[in-house]
Amino acid sequence: MFYDFLHTKHIYIVCGKTDLRKGIDGLASLIQQDYQLDLYEDAVFLFCGNRQDRFKLLHWDGDGFLLCYKRIDNGRLKWPRKKEEIRTLTNQQIRWLLEGLSVDQPKAISPGKKGSF
């Protein structure tokens, strides 16, 4: 099964360090108890452990949970480590993260705002 996670409604990243020894039940209870988020919405939850060359992804696909694990061979992720929080990321921020860049790019062009001229 191939699923395009960039078309989900929400992409959440759990900042800080997560114990990647946890499986589906452990990560799901972390999302529900610590962050009070709905696991069954159209969302992807990303977790990173102590080492920044691997991460896990948790997703409810309608009839069960999908848990993906990725280890990067050459490089490290710039995972936000400052706070134990959860953030919503845009598709662009996900691309930056998976390319080894920080999700907060200070020189990136910000999305425009609607207004009058």
Protein backbone atom coordinates (compact mmCIF):
# COMPACT_ATOMS: atom_id res chain seq x y z
CA MET A 1 0.00 0.00 0.00
CA PHE A 2 1.32 3.43 -0.93
CA TYR A 3 -0.18 6.49 0.67
CA ASP A 4 0.67 10.13 -0.07
CA PHE A 5 0.87 11.65 3.41
CA LEU A 6 1.22 15.18 2.06
CA HIS A 7 -2.48 15.16 1.20
CA THR A 8 -3.60 14.64 4.79
CA LYS A 9 -5.45 17.42 6.57
CA HIS A 10 -2.89 17.85 9.38
CA ILE A 11 0.79 17.01 9.70
CA TYR A 12 1.94 17.16 13.31
CA ILE A 13 5.53 16.96 14.52
CA VAL A 14 6.26 16.12 18.14
CA CYS A 15 9.18 18.38 19.05
CA GLY A 16 11.87 17.20 21.41
CA LYS A 17 12.87 13.58 21.92
CA THR A 18 10.48 10.62 21.85
CA ASP A 19 11.35 7.09 22.93
CA LEU A 20 11.28 5.30 19.57
CA ARG A 21 11.10 1.92 21.30
CA LYS A 22 7.40 2.68 21.67
CA GLY A 23 5.06 1.01 19.24
CA ILE A 24 1.63 2.00 17.98
CA ASP A 25 -0.08 1.82 21.37
CA GLY A 26 2.63 3.79 23.17
CA LEU A 27 2.78 6.56 20.57
CA ALA A 28 -1.02 6.73 20.31
CA SER A 29 -1.40 7.10 24.08
CA LEU A 30 1.28 9.82 24.04
CA ILE A 31 -0.74 11.81 21.48
CA GLN A 32 -4.02 11.38 23.36
CA GLN A 33 -2.79 11.89 26.93
CA ASP A 34 -0.04 14.49 26.53
CA TYR A 35 -1.45 16.55 23.66
CA GLN A 36 -5.22 15.80 23.74
CA LEU A 37 -5.39 15.34 19.95
CA ASP A 38 -7.78 13.10 18.02
CA LEU A 39 -5.87 10.12 16.63
CA TYR A 40 -8.69 9.26 14.25
CA GLU A 41 -8.75 12.50 12.26
CA ASP A 42 -7.03 12.79 8.91
CA ALA A 43 -3.59 13.42 10.41
CA VAL A 44 0.00 12.24 10.42
CA PHE A 45 2.09 12.34 13.60
CA LEU A 46 5.91 12.42 13.35
CA PHE A 47 8.29 11.45 16.17
CA CYS A 48 12.08 11.59 16.47
CA GLY A 49 14.24 9.89 19.06
CA ASN A 50 17.57 10.74 20.60
CA ARG A 51 19.45 10.16 17.35
CA GLN A 52 18.41 12.48 14.59
CA ASP A 53 18.93 10.03 11.74
CA ARG A 54 15.61 8.21 12.26
CA PHE A 55 11.96 8.97 12.82
CA LYS A 56 8.55 7.29 13.11
CA LEU A 57 5.25 8.21 11.52
CA LEU A 58 1.82 7.26 12.92
CA HIS A 59 -1.39 7.47 10.85
CA TRP A 60 -4.96 6.15 11.15
CA ASP A 61 -6.00 4.96 7.66
CA GLY A 62 -9.64 4.14 8.39
CA ASP A 63 -9.36 0.52 9.48
CA GLY A 64 -6.16 0.50 11.51
CA PHE A 65 -3.00 2.35 12.43
CA LEU A 66 -0.03 2.57 10.13
CA LEU A 67 3.40 2.91 11.75
CA CYS A 68 6.34 3.76 9.50
CA TYR A 69 9.97 3.90 10.55
CA LYS A 70 12.74 5.52 8.54
CA ARG A 71 16.48 5.57 9.12
CA ILE A 72 18.50 7.98 7.02
CA ASP A 73 21.82 6.57 5.80
CA ASN A 74 23.72 9.76 5.10
CA GLY A 75 22.77 12.80 7.14
CA ARG A 76 20.64 13.97 10.02
CA LEU A 77 17.29 15.67 10.46
CA LYS A 78 17.11 19.18 11.89
CA TRP A 79 14.39 18.15 14.34
CA PRO A 80 13.07 20.95 16.58
CA ARG A 81 14.46 20.21 20.05
CA LYS A 82 13.68 23.36 22.01
CA LYS A 83 10.35 22.45 23.62
CA GLU A 84 8.28 19.39 24.38
CA GLU A 85 5.42 20.51 22.18
CA ILE A 86 3.56 19.51 19.07
CA ARG A 87 3.49 21.67 15.95
CA THR A 88 1.55 21.65 12.72
CA LEU A 89 3.78 21.72 9.67
CA THR A 90 3.12 22.78 6.11
CA ASN A 91 4.06 20.63 3.12
CA GLN A 92 7.03 22.93 2.49
CA GLN A 93 8.27 22.51 6.07
CA ILE A 94 8.03 18.72 5.72
CA ARG A 95 10.12 18.87 2.55
CA TRP A 96 12.71 21.02 4.34
CA LEU A 97 12.81 18.62 7.29
CA LEU A 98 13.28 15.54 5.10
CA GLU A 99 15.99 17.33 3.09
CA GLY A 100 17.97 17.94 6.29
CA LEU A 101 17.00 21.59 6.67
CA SER A 102 15.40 23.33 9.62
CA VAL A 103 11.60 23.67 9.54
CA ASP A 104 12.07 27.35 10.45
CA GLN A 105 13.80 28.97 7.50
CA PRO A 106 14.49 32.63 8.35
CA LYS A 107 15.09 33.67 4.73
CA ALA A 108 12.13 31.83 3.21
CA ILE A 109 9.45 33.91 1.55
CA SER A 110 6.39 33.96 3.79
CA PRO A 111 2.94 33.27 2.35
CA GLY A 112 1.15 36.42 1.24
CA LYS A 113 -1.71 37.94 3.19
CA LYS A 114 -4.99 39.03 1.69
CA GLY A 115 -5.62 42.72 1.86
CA SER A 116 -6.16 45.82 -0.13
CA PHE A 117 -3.59 47.65 -2.21
